[in-house]
Each structure stands twice: as C-alpha cells, then as structure tokens.
Amino acid sequence: MKSIPAEIKKFFRREELPRNTAILAAVSGGPDSTALALGLAELRGELLFSLTLAHYDHGLRRAEEARSEEAFVRELGQRLGLPVETGSAGAGSLREEAAREKKSLEAIAREKRYAFLKSAARRRGCSFIAVGHTRGDRIETQVFRFFQGSSAETLAGIRPRRGEIIRPLLGVDRSDVLAFLREQEQGWCSDASNQDISFLRNNVRLRLIPAAEEVFPGFAKALDSLAEKSRLAADFLEEALRAADPWVKAASGWECSWAAFLGLHPLLRIYSVYKLCPARGEKRIPYAFLAPLAKARPGAQGIILQGRGLTLLRRGDRLHARGDIVLNRKKGYFYQIDGNLDFCIESRLRVRAEELASPAEGEDVFSRGGEDSLFLRSRRPGDVIQSGSGPLALGRLLADWNVEESLRDLVPLVQRNGKIVAVLAAPLGGENLRLDEEAGPGRLRIRVCQIGERCGQQTE
C-alpha cells in the first residue's frame, strides 16, 4: 500500500514546489479529495505551506445531497483548522447552459468548477490549486482519448502539473486512498451520479475498462508505460517546434516564410498551426481539419486552410495566419478577440479590435488578461443577459430596440468566461448595452460599424 503523505512529499520534491507558498485544495467530499485534504493538512507544517479547502456545487444533484456535501467539507475544514471557500452554479443552470451552448454537461461543469477554483485561489492568495485525481482517473482519460483519436499529449493522460493546477495523488490507486481513509477513521460522501452511465467518464469507468481488463488482464500497467512514452513524445514535439517555429507576430495575426513552413516536418506544420487556432480553447480541433497541411505543395497559392476561426493565406513568398469567422450554424459566427484584429461579418459589419498600450476607459474598452479571453459571437437560442433588473431574454431586448428581425443574428455579443458582457446593436439600429465585468490587466478597444461608415479613426 502506498502512503498518501509519502506520495505527496515525493510529488513536492519531484515538481520542486516552493516552500512558504499557499495551496487551495478542491474537495468534493468524495474519497479521493478527502484523502488529498487530509494528506496535505498533515504535511503543511513540514513542507511549510498554508492550505485552504474549496468546495463547488454544480447544481446537478438534489438540494439535500448538495447541502450535505457542503456541510461535510465545512466540518472537515473546521476539524483540520482550515478555511473553506464554497461556490455554487445554481440548481439546473449548468444543464441549461450545456443545452444552449451545445456542449457536453461534463465539459460545462469542468469549466465552471475550474473558474470557481481559480477565482477562490486569487481571493486567498494561493499559488497552486490541488485536485484529487488518482491513477484511475489518468487511465480513464487515456482510454477515452484513445477512442477519440487523440494526440501523444492527450494519450499521456492527465499531467501531474499544468500551470497552477497540481495533482499530488496521480500515482496513487483508489485502494491506497481507501486504506488511508480507514487508517485515519475518516468517512467520505458517496456521489450517486458516479453510477450514471449517461456521463462519458462513468461509462468508460463502469463498462469499457472492466471489459478491457477481462480481455487484457493487467492492461493498466501497459497504460503506465504508454503515458510515459506519450509524455516524452509530446515534450519532444514541443521542443522541436520551439527550435524551428517560423511564425512571427504580425499586425493582423501571424506570418512566416512559405519556404520555411514547407521545410518543417509535416507533423510540425500541423502542430505549429494548431497552436495558432483561436478556437483551441473552446473545443477540440479535429485532426482532419489540419491534416491537409502535411501535404502542402510548393506551388499552392491563395487560401491554404480555412475554418475553426483561422485562415491560412499564401501571398507571394509569405504565409499569413489570421482570424476568421467560424460558422457554428446556418446563421452565426464565433470569433476570439486576442489582439489587433480587423474583420467583416457577412459583408455588413466591420469589427476593429486594438490593444491599448495604456489604461483607458470607455464603453468600447474591455479588460483582458489571464485565461479570460474575449469572444465576439452572434446570438444563440436561449441567450439571456443579466441586467440590473434581473435576467432578460436577448431576443426580447432586440425586439424592444426595434432591430429588424432579419438582422438580429448579426448583432455582435462580447462574451467572457461564458457570460455576455456587452451587446453591440447600435450599428444595426439598436443600442449598445454594456454589462458589468471584472477589471483585469490589459485593455482592448472593440469598435463595430457598418461597412462604408466611419469605424474608429478611419473611413471604411
């Protein structure tokens, strides 16, 4: 049996985590996160770090169960002498958002949970966020990533450390966790939703992995080896790209020499462009979309690749990468605003975005920084904005403004972290509505006008 505290100490040494730091531990109340909290609490004096517990209610369970789990975590924190941060998505809100955004409920829940954890870490001054993933979680991730045709990076499974997120128990089995909790005479909460096979991860855990174990007894050891080899391959690819990356920042995106791009190994061509894709943070980029880059020919001209928010265009001896409208449905667009950009929407509107070198104010100035990217998108069914008087259906708002029905799908919406922070309907006969947003480092000015009208300092 592996000792939980001993494994945590090994992790701290291996990852060279600094002393006198502050850690936020995510605790759902389940066995893995409970063991993580106990193990970290036992070592805080020896390894010299402060510890805060954090609990998030996804609003997917019965209210009684959710209250019971939160009470469990609060009591655990009190017994260990630790502060506890709590947050909640609100009953049913994630299901509604998943349906509206056409994303999986699991993906939405993960996004909201990590957004809460990062916000709580900032409030508490924590440099790291510890989560209770174990070896079993890593194996599950490898299995379903394999069936999704993923890359070497994702076949490595869950990384022990990614930025501020740390996973000290990733080398620990569930049997080690349960033995530690029994030794500590510590109970935990049971989550009935873990048996719901409508969730992909549960289906993999409860059906696919047992079937694989029956055909390939002990296959998990082979996946340990695959994880290590895949991690080395992914690291090698990253280093190779750093050494040969031809892309340089340009006023309207990125550019490089066409000859230098063709000189890359086909895999490096694909990977270099993958890193440029603005939609990469929103969803997985299919290999089939990038695969034509492996067969790019010297004589190719014009558009080399287009879609997923990106256009690759060859002009002369230069290859240009710039943002492009992504059609999510028959009428619609989705665009990441990450710097100086200039683009058109269906030959009707022009959008100009510019980075501001110094702090500025105004209805068209938005904060940027960290992982909270800004997106410009069209409306979607069920869109709701949170105004001072409460939630308001976007369709109702546009109707009240007398925006022509045929133009309502063109109205630009500014989105941050899944929340609409501005409605820019003035160029289409409505109004511009700015909603409260958190201040952050950096500033972007976003202007929208009809093509042919004045947009900022220039005439279109």
Protein backbone atom coordinates (compact mmCIF):
# COMPACT_ATOMS: atom_id res chain seq x y z
CA MET A 1 0.00 0.00 0.00
CA LYS A 2 1.29 3.46 -0.90
CA SER A 3 1.32 6.07 1.86
CA ILE A 4 -0.68 9.14 0.86
CA PRO A 5 1.54 11.61 2.80
CA ALA A 6 4.68 9.95 1.41
CA GLU A 7 3.37 10.22 -2.16
CA ILE A 8 2.53 13.89 -1.64
CA LYS A 9 6.06 14.56 -0.34
CA LYS A 10 7.53 12.81 -3.39
CA PHE A 11 5.37 14.96 -5.62
CA PHE A 12 6.54 18.18 -3.93
CA ARG A 13 10.19 17.15 -4.35
CA ARG A 14 9.77 15.99 -7.95
CA GLU A 15 7.90 19.13 -9.04
CA GLU A 16 10.20 21.38 -6.96
CA LEU A 17 7.30 23.27 -5.44
CA PRO A 18 8.48 26.28 -3.44
CA ARG A 19 8.15 26.46 0.32
CA ASN A 20 6.20 29.17 2.11
CA THR A 21 3.52 29.03 -0.56
CA ALA A 22 -0.27 28.85 -0.35
CA ILE A 23 -2.35 25.97 -1.74
CA LEU A 24 -6.07 25.69 -2.44
CA ALA A 25 -7.34 22.09 -2.29
CA ALA A 26 -10.50 21.21 -4.24
CA VAL A 27 -12.66 18.97 -2.02
CA SER A 28 -15.90 17.48 -3.29
CA GLY A 29 -16.31 15.27 -0.24
CA GLY A 30 -15.55 12.06 -2.16
CA PRO A 31 -12.79 9.69 -1.04
CA ASP A 32 -10.02 10.99 -3.33
CA SER A 33 -10.39 14.67 -2.47
CA THR A 34 -10.93 13.91 1.21
CA ALA A 35 -7.69 11.90 1.29
CA LEU A 36 -5.94 14.77 -0.51
CA ALA A 37 -7.14 17.27 2.12
CA LEU A 38 -6.02 15.03 5.00
CA GLY A 39 -2.63 14.32 3.45
CA LEU A 40 -1.92 17.98 2.70
CA ALA A 41 -3.10 19.06 6.16
CA GLU A 42 -0.71 16.57 7.76
CA LEU A 43 2.26 17.94 5.80
CA ARG A 44 1.63 21.70 5.89
CA GLY A 45 3.97 22.23 8.84
CA GLU A 46 6.74 20.01 7.47
CA LEU A 47 6.60 21.37 3.90
CA LEU A 48 5.80 24.93 5.01
CA PHE A 49 2.67 25.86 3.08
CA SER A 50 -0.71 27.29 4.02
CA LEU A 51 -3.86 25.42 3.00
CA THR A 52 -7.43 26.37 2.11
CA LEU A 53 -10.22 23.96 1.16
CA ALA A 54 -12.65 24.77 -1.66
CA HIS A 55 -15.98 23.13 -2.46
CA TYR A 56 -18.14 23.74 -5.55
CA ASP A 57 -21.77 22.69 -6.01
CA HIS A 58 -22.56 22.10 -9.70
CA GLY A 59 -26.30 22.29 -9.07
CA LEU A 60 -26.81 18.86 -10.68
CA ARG A 61 -27.89 16.93 -7.61
CA ARG A 62 -30.76 17.06 -5.17
CA ALA A 63 -30.55 20.07 -2.87
CA GLU A 64 -30.40 17.82 0.20
CA GLU A 65 -27.36 15.93 -1.12
CA ALA A 66 -25.60 19.17 -2.13
CA ARG A 67 -26.16 20.69 1.33
CA SER A 68 -24.91 17.50 3.00
CA GLU A 69 -21.66 17.51 0.98
CA GLU A 70 -21.01 21.18 1.65
CA ALA A 71 -21.63 20.62 5.37
CA PHE A 72 -19.20 17.67 5.29
CA VAL A 73 -16.43 19.81 3.75
CA ARG A 74 -17.07 22.66 6.17
CA GLU A 75 -16.87 20.27 9.13
CA LEU A 76 -13.68 18.75 7.74
CA GLY A 77 -12.13 22.20 7.41
CA GLN A 78 -13.17 23.13 10.93
CA ARG A 79 -11.69 19.93 12.36
CA LEU A 80 -8.41 20.48 10.49
CA GLY A 81 -8.32 24.18 11.37
CA LEU A 82 -8.56 25.23 7.71
CA PRO A 83 -10.60 27.95 5.97
CA VAL A 84 -13.19 26.78 3.43
CA GLU A 85 -14.29 28.54 0.23
CA THR A 86 -17.63 27.48 -1.26
CA GLY A 87 -19.41 28.23 -4.52
CA SER A 88 -22.49 27.09 -6.42
CA ALA A 89 -23.66 27.12 -10.02
CA GLY A 90 -27.32 27.26 -9.06
CA ALA A 91 -29.78 24.41 -9.49
CA GLY A 92 -30.15 23.37 -13.13
CA SER A 93 -28.16 26.28 -14.56
CA LEU A 94 -25.38 24.10 -16.00
CA ARG A 95 -27.85 21.83 -17.81
CA GLU A 96 -29.46 24.90 -19.36
CA GLU A 97 -26.10 26.32 -20.40
CA ALA A 98 -24.94 23.00 -21.86
CA ALA A 99 -28.08 22.84 -23.99
CA ARG A 100 -27.76 26.47 -25.04
CA GLU A 101 -24.03 26.26 -25.86
CA LYS A 102 -24.38 22.80 -27.43
CA LYS A 103 -21.61 21.45 -25.18
CA SER A 104 -21.48 18.33 -23.04
CA LEU A 105 -22.68 18.76 -19.47
CA GLU A 106 -19.34 17.34 -18.28
CA ALA A 107 -17.39 20.00 -20.21
CA ILE A 108 -19.53 22.85 -18.88
CA ALA A 109 -19.26 21.52 -15.30
CA ARG A 110 -15.47 21.27 -15.61
CA GLU A 111 -15.19 24.83 -16.97
CA LYS A 112 -17.31 26.28 -14.18
CA ARG A 113 -15.55 24.29 -11.47
CA TYR A 114 -12.08 25.43 -12.54
CA ALA A 115 -13.28 29.01 -12.98
CA PHE A 116 -14.53 28.94 -9.38
CA LEU A 117 -11.30 27.34 -8.10
CA LYS A 118 -9.12 29.93 -9.85
CA SER A 119 -11.26 32.76 -8.54
CA ALA A 120 -11.12 31.34 -4.99
CA ALA A 121 -7.34 30.89 -5.29
CA ARG A 122 -6.94 34.56 -6.25
CA ARG A 123 -9.08 35.67 -3.31
CA ARG A 124 -7.00 33.59 -0.90
CA GLY A 125 -3.65 34.44 -2.46
CA CYS A 126 -2.96 30.79 -3.35
CA SER A 127 -0.29 29.99 -5.92
CA PHE A 128 -1.44 26.41 -6.53
CA ILE A 129 -4.72 24.52 -6.82
CA ALA A 130 -4.52 20.87 -5.75
CA VAL A 131 -7.07 18.42 -7.16
CA GLY A 132 -7.58 14.79 -6.15
CA HIS A 133 -7.11 12.95 -9.44
CA THR A 134 -5.64 9.49 -8.99
CA ARG A 135 -4.07 6.87 -11.25
CA GLY A 136 -7.55 5.58 -12.11
CA ASP A 137 -8.57 8.99 -13.44
CA ARG A 138 -5.47 9.12 -15.61
CA ILE A 139 -6.18 5.67 -17.05
CA GLU A 140 -9.81 6.57 -17.80
CA THR A 141 -8.63 9.69 -19.62
CA GLN A 142 -6.14 7.69 -21.69
CA VAL A 143 -8.80 5.16 -22.68
CA PHE A 144 -11.41 7.58 -23.94
CA ARG A 145 -8.79 9.84 -25.56
CA PHE A 146 -7.55 6.77 -27.46
CA PHE A 147 -11.03 6.12 -28.83
CA GLN A 148 -11.32 9.78 -29.79
CA GLY A 149 -8.14 9.53 -31.91
CA SER A 150 -6.18 11.95 -29.76
CA SER A 151 -2.56 13.11 -29.90
CA ALA A 152 0.51 11.97 -27.97
CA GLU A 153 -0.03 14.79 -25.48
CA THR A 154 -3.50 13.58 -24.52
CA LEU A 155 -2.56 9.89 -24.63
CA ALA A 156 -0.20 10.73 -21.79
CA GLY A 157 -3.36 11.19 -19.74
CA ILE A 158 -3.63 13.80 -17.03
CA ARG A 159 -0.44 15.73 -16.35
CA PRO A 160 0.80 15.86 -12.73
CA ARG A 161 1.17 19.61 -13.05
CA ARG A 162 -0.22 22.08 -15.55
CA GLY A 163 0.37 25.68 -14.63
CA GLU A 164 -1.16 26.34 -11.23
CA ILE A 165 -3.07 23.03 -11.18
CA ILE A 166 -1.27 20.26 -9.28
CA ARG A 167 -2.28 16.61 -8.83
CA PRO A 168 -0.25 15.10 -5.97
CA LEU A 169 -2.19 11.78 -5.96
CA LEU A 170 -1.83 10.91 -9.64
CA GLY A 171 0.40 7.92 -8.87
CA VAL A 172 -1.97 6.56 -6.22
CA ASP A 173 -4.63 3.86 -6.72
CA ARG A 174 -8.13 4.05 -5.27
CA SER A 175 -7.27 1.10 -2.99
CA ASP A 176 -4.47 3.21 -1.44
CA VAL A 177 -6.90 6.07 -0.88
CA LEU A 178 -9.48 3.88 0.85
CA ALA A 179 -6.86 2.21 3.03
CA PHE A 180 -5.57 5.63 4.13
CA LEU A 181 -9.08 6.85 4.99
CA ARG A 182 -9.78 3.70 7.04
CA GLU A 183 -6.48 4.17 8.85
CA GLN A 184 -7.47 7.76 9.64
CA GLU A 185 -11.00 6.64 10.61
CA GLN A 186 -12.27 9.23 8.18
CA GLY A 187 -15.57 8.91 6.33
CA TRP A 188 -16.49 10.44 2.97
CA CYS A 189 -19.50 11.28 0.82
CA SER A 190 -20.84 8.94 -1.87
CA ASP A 191 -21.96 10.55 -5.13
CA ALA A 192 -24.81 8.60 -6.72
CA SER A 193 -24.21 10.38 -10.04
CA ASN A 194 -20.95 8.42 -10.38
CA GLN A 195 -23.12 5.45 -11.40
CA ASP A 196 -24.90 7.39 -14.16
CA ILE A 197 -23.59 6.00 -17.47
CA SER A 198 -25.09 8.91 -19.43
CA PHE A 199 -21.82 10.64 -18.46
CA LEU A 200 -18.96 9.56 -20.74
CA ARG A 201 -16.38 9.13 -17.99
CA ASN A 202 -18.74 6.96 -15.93
CA ASN A 203 -19.45 4.82 -19.00
CA VAL A 204 -15.72 4.32 -19.55
CA ARG A 205 -15.12 3.51 -15.87
CA LEU A 206 -18.07 1.17 -15.35
CA ARG A 207 -18.29 -0.62 -18.70
CA LEU A 208 -15.32 -0.17 -21.01
CA ILE A 209 -12.44 -0.57 -18.55
CA PRO A 210 -13.85 -3.76 -16.92
CA ALA A 211 -14.31 -5.24 -20.42
CA ALA A 212 -10.73 -4.33 -21.36
CA GLU A 213 -9.46 -5.83 -18.10
CA GLU A 214 -11.25 -9.08 -18.91
CA VAL A 215 -9.59 -9.34 -22.33
CA PHE A 216 -6.21 -7.83 -21.33
CA PRO A 217 -5.63 -8.59 -17.64
CA GLY A 218 -3.30 -6.04 -16.07
CA PHE A 219 -3.52 -3.69 -19.06
CA ALA A 220 -3.28 -0.69 -16.74
CA LYS A 221 0.47 -1.33 -16.35
CA ALA A 222 0.85 -1.06 -20.13
CA LEU A 223 -1.01 2.26 -19.98
CA ASP A 224 1.50 3.47 -17.38
CA SER A 225 4.22 2.82 -19.95
CA LEU A 226 2.15 4.42 -22.72
CA ALA A 227 1.65 7.51 -20.56
CA GLU A 228 5.39 7.92 -20.06
CA LYS A 229 6.25 7.35 -23.73
CA SER A 230 3.49 9.69 -24.88
CA ARG A 231 4.63 12.37 -22.44
CA LEU A 232 8.20 12.12 -23.79
CA ALA A 233 6.93 12.27 -27.38
CA ALA A 234 4.78 15.34 -26.62
CA ASP A 235 7.70 17.07 -24.89
CA PHE A 236 9.96 16.29 -27.84
CA LEU A 237 7.40 17.75 -30.26
CA GLU A 238 7.15 20.93 -28.17
CA GLU A 239 10.94 21.33 -28.07
CA ALA A 240 11.26 20.66 -31.81
CA LEU A 241 8.67 23.34 -32.56
CA ARG A 242 10.38 25.86 -30.29
CA ALA A 243 13.62 25.30 -32.17
CA ALA A 244 12.12 25.53 -35.67
CA ASP A 245 8.94 27.62 -35.28
CA PRO A 246 8.85 30.04 -38.25
CA TRP A 247 5.79 32.03 -37.13
CA VAL A 248 6.19 35.65 -36.00
CA LYS A 249 3.52 38.04 -34.70
CA ALA A 250 2.13 40.43 -37.30
CA ALA A 251 -0.32 43.34 -37.20
CA SER A 252 -3.24 41.16 -38.31
CA GLY A 253 -2.23 37.82 -36.82
CA TRP A 254 0.88 35.73 -37.62
CA GLU A 255 3.09 35.23 -40.64
CA CYS A 256 6.09 33.22 -41.79
CA SER A 257 8.12 32.37 -44.85
CA TRP A 258 6.32 29.89 -47.11
CA ALA A 259 9.61 28.11 -47.77
CA ALA A 260 10.31 27.85 -44.03
CA PHE A 261 6.83 26.42 -43.42
CA LEU A 262 7.28 23.79 -46.16
CA GLY A 263 10.69 22.99 -44.68
CA LEU A 264 9.10 21.80 -41.45
CA HIS A 265 8.39 18.14 -40.90
CA PRO A 266 4.68 17.55 -41.78
CA LEU A 267 3.87 16.92 -38.12
CA LEU A 268 5.48 20.22 -37.10
CA ARG A 269 3.48 22.05 -39.79
CA ILE A 270 0.28 20.68 -38.29
CA TYR A 271 1.31 21.34 -34.70
CA SER A 272 2.52 24.89 -35.38
CA VAL A 273 -0.84 25.84 -36.91
CA TYR A 274 -2.76 24.02 -34.19
CA LYS A 275 -1.07 26.30 -31.65
CA LEU A 276 -2.36 29.33 -33.59
CA CYS A 277 -6.02 28.22 -33.75
CA PRO A 278 -8.13 30.74 -31.83
CA ALA A 279 -10.89 28.16 -31.22
CA ARG A 280 -8.43 25.81 -29.48
CA GLY A 281 -9.55 26.99 -26.03
CA GLU A 282 -13.22 26.48 -26.85
CA LYS A 283 -13.22 22.97 -28.26
CA ARG A 284 -11.01 20.23 -29.70
CA ILE A 285 -9.60 20.88 -33.17
CA PRO A 286 -10.14 17.77 -35.35
CA TYR A 287 -7.04 16.28 -36.92
CA ALA A 288 -8.92 16.04 -40.23
CA PHE A 289 -9.10 19.85 -40.36
CA LEU A 290 -5.31 20.24 -40.07
CA ALA A 291 -4.24 17.10 -41.97
CA PRO A 292 -4.02 18.82 -45.43
CA LEU A 293 -1.05 20.82 -44.11
CA ALA A 294 1.04 17.64 -44.17
CA LYS A 295 0.64 17.50 -47.97
CA ALA A 296 1.06 21.21 -48.74
CA ARG A 297 2.80 21.73 -52.10
CA PRO A 298 5.26 24.48 -53.13
CA GLY A 299 3.00 25.84 -55.88
CA ALA A 300 -0.06 26.36 -53.72
CA GLN A 301 -1.46 29.91 -53.72
CA GLY A 302 -4.31 31.79 -52.04
CA ILE A 303 -6.20 30.17 -49.18
CA ILE A 304 -4.35 27.12 -47.86
CA LEU A 305 -6.67 26.37 -44.95
CA GLN A 306 -9.84 27.98 -43.60
CA GLY A 307 -12.16 27.25 -40.68
CA ARG A 308 -12.16 26.85 -36.89
CA GLY A 309 -11.63 30.60 -36.56
CA LEU A 310 -8.48 30.63 -38.73
CA THR A 311 -7.49 31.41 -42.32
CA LEU A 312 -4.08 30.50 -43.76
CA LEU A 313 -3.37 32.57 -46.86
CA ARG A 314 -0.29 32.49 -49.09
CA ARG A 315 0.69 35.76 -50.73
CA GLY A 316 3.94 35.64 -52.68
CA ASP A 317 6.61 34.07 -50.51
CA ARG A 318 4.75 34.72 -47.23
CA LEU A 319 2.17 32.63 -45.39
CA HIS A 320 -0.30 34.61 -43.28
CA ALA A 321 -2.44 33.29 -40.43
CA ARG A 322 -5.35 35.47 -39.36
CA GLY A 323 -8.62 35.15 -37.56
CA ASP A 324 -11.74 34.29 -39.49
CA ILE A 325 -15.44 33.91 -38.84
CA VAL A 326 -16.43 30.45 -37.64
CA LEU A 327 -19.90 29.43 -38.78
CA ASN A 328 -21.41 27.44 -35.90
CA ARG A 329 -24.82 27.17 -37.51
CA LYS A 330 -26.64 28.36 -40.61
CA LYS A 331 -26.53 31.97 -39.42
CA GLY A 332 -23.85 32.62 -36.87
CA TYR A 333 -20.23 33.36 -36.04
CA PHE A 334 -17.75 32.98 -33.22
CA TYR A 335 -14.53 34.94 -33.02
CA GLN A 336 -11.77 35.20 -30.41
CA ILE A 337 -10.52 38.74 -29.77
CA ASP A 338 -6.92 38.32 -28.64
CA GLY A 339 -5.16 41.36 -30.07
CA ASN A 340 -5.21 43.77 -33.02
CA LEU A 341 -7.79 42.42 -35.46
CA ASP A 342 -9.83 43.73 -38.38
CA PHE A 343 -12.56 41.59 -39.96
CA CYS A 344 -16.00 41.69 -41.55
CA ILE A 345 -19.26 39.96 -40.68
CA GLU A 346 -21.31 38.80 -43.68
CA SER A 347 -20.33 41.88 -45.75
CA ARG A 348 -22.47 44.04 -43.45
CA LEU A 349 -20.42 44.89 -40.36
CA ARG A 350 -16.77 45.64 -39.79
CA VAL A 351 -15.09 44.92 -36.47
CA ARG A 352 -11.85 46.59 -35.44
CA ALA A 353 -10.06 45.49 -32.27
CA GLU A 354 -6.90 47.14 -30.98
CA GLU A 355 -4.67 46.59 -27.98
CA LEU A 356 -4.22 49.72 -25.87
CA ALA A 357 -0.73 50.42 -24.54
CA SER A 358 -2.01 52.38 -21.53
CA PRO A 359 -5.10 52.20 -19.31
CA ALA A 360 -8.21 53.67 -20.91
CA GLU A 361 -11.90 53.94 -20.27
CA GLY A 362 -14.99 53.98 -22.44
CA GLU A 363 -17.94 51.85 -23.45
CA ASP A 364 -15.85 50.20 -26.19
CA VAL A 365 -12.90 49.33 -23.90
CA PHE A 366 -12.74 45.85 -22.36
CA SER A 367 -10.29 44.31 -19.92
CA ARG A 368 -8.24 41.35 -20.94
CA GLY A 369 -5.63 39.14 -19.34
CA GLY A 370 -5.00 35.69 -17.88
CA GLU A 371 -7.18 32.93 -19.30
CA ASP A 372 -10.34 35.05 -19.55
CA SER A 373 -10.29 35.54 -23.32
CA LEU A 374 -12.81 37.79 -25.03
CA PHE A 375 -15.02 36.37 -27.75
CA LEU A 376 -17.29 38.10 -30.24
CA ARG A 377 -20.23 35.96 -31.32
CA SER A 378 -23.73 36.01 -32.72
CA ARG A 379 -26.80 35.24 -30.66
CA ARG A 380 -27.87 31.68 -29.90
CA PRO A 381 -31.23 30.21 -28.97
CA GLY A 382 -31.97 30.84 -25.31
CA ASP A 383 -29.42 33.66 -24.86
CA VAL A 384 -30.10 35.60 -21.66
CA ILE A 385 -28.32 38.68 -20.33
CA GLN A 386 -28.04 39.59 -16.65
CA SER A 387 -29.17 43.22 -16.40
CA GLY A 388 -29.60 45.34 -13.29
CA SER A 389 -33.28 44.39 -13.18
CA GLY A 390 -32.59 40.66 -13.50
CA PRO A 391 -32.31 38.16 -16.39
CA LEU A 392 -33.63 39.31 -19.76
CA ALA A 393 -34.03 37.29 -22.94
CA LEU A 394 -31.77 38.70 -25.66
CA GLY A 395 -34.46 38.23 -28.30
CA ARG A 396 -36.87 40.36 -26.27
CA LEU A 397 -34.23 43.08 -25.85
CA LEU A 398 -33.52 43.26 -29.60
CA ALA A 399 -37.25 43.40 -30.32
CA ASP A 400 -37.67 46.26 -27.82
CA TRP A 401 -34.89 48.11 -29.63
CA ASN A 402 -36.75 47.59 -32.95
CA VAL A 403 -33.79 45.80 -34.55
CA GLU A 404 -35.08 44.25 -37.78
CA GLU A 405 -35.67 40.54 -37.32
CA SER A 406 -33.55 39.73 -40.37
CA LEU A 407 -30.57 41.48 -38.76
CA ARG A 408 -30.76 40.09 -35.21
CA ASP A 409 -28.46 37.16 -35.96
CA LEU A 410 -25.75 39.65 -36.99
CA VAL A 411 -25.76 41.63 -33.71
CA PRO A 412 -22.30 41.18 -32.10
CA LEU A 413 -22.16 39.96 -28.50
CA VAL A 414 -18.99 40.25 -26.41
CA GLN A 415 -18.51 37.19 -24.21
CA ARG A 416 -16.08 36.49 -21.37
CA ASN A 417 -15.89 33.22 -19.44
CA GLY A 418 -19.24 32.07 -20.87
CA LYS A 419 -21.05 35.31 -19.88
CA ILE A 420 -22.30 38.05 -22.22
CA VAL A 421 -20.67 41.33 -21.14
CA ALA A 422 -21.86 43.58 -23.99
CA VAL A 423 -24.47 43.78 -26.75
CA LEU A 424 -23.34 45.92 -29.71
CA ALA A 425 -26.54 46.52 -31.67
CA ALA A 426 -26.12 50.26 -32.43
CA PRO A 427 -24.76 49.73 -35.99
CA LEU A 428 -27.92 47.75 -36.81
CA GLY A 429 -30.45 50.24 -35.48
CA GLY A 430 -30.46 49.18 -31.83
CA GLU A 431 -28.34 50.26 -28.90
CA ASN A 432 -25.05 49.29 -27.30
CA LEU A 433 -25.52 47.74 -23.87
CA ARG A 434 -22.51 47.33 -21.59
CA LEU A 435 -22.86 44.92 -18.66
CA ASP A 436 -20.65 44.82 -15.58
CA GLU A 437 -17.39 42.93 -15.95
CA GLU A 438 -14.46 42.27 -13.65
CA ALA A 439 -11.47 44.55 -14.12
CA GLY A 440 -8.32 42.87 -15.36
CA PRO A 441 -4.87 43.66 -16.73
CA GLY A 442 -4.58 44.93 -20.29
CA ARG A 443 -7.15 46.74 -22.39
CA LEU A 444 -8.77 46.12 -25.76
CA ARG A 445 -10.88 48.59 -27.72
CA ILE A 446 -13.57 46.94 -29.84
CA ARG A 447 -15.45 49.02 -32.41
CA VAL A 448 -18.22 47.82 -34.71
CA CYS A 449 -19.65 49.76 -37.66
CA GLN A 450 -21.49 49.16 -40.90
CA ILE A 451 -19.19 48.75 -43.87
CA GLY A 452 -18.94 52.10 -45.61
CA GLU A 453 -19.31 54.06 -42.38
CA ARG A 454 -16.70 55.54 -40.07
CA CYS A 455 -15.26 52.95 -37.66
CA GLY A 456 -12.84 54.47 -35.18
CA GLN A 457 -10.38 56.81 -36.82
CA GLN A 458 -10.73 55.54 -40.39
CA THR A 459 -13.45 55.53 -43.02
CA GLU A 460 -14.40 52.14 -44.43
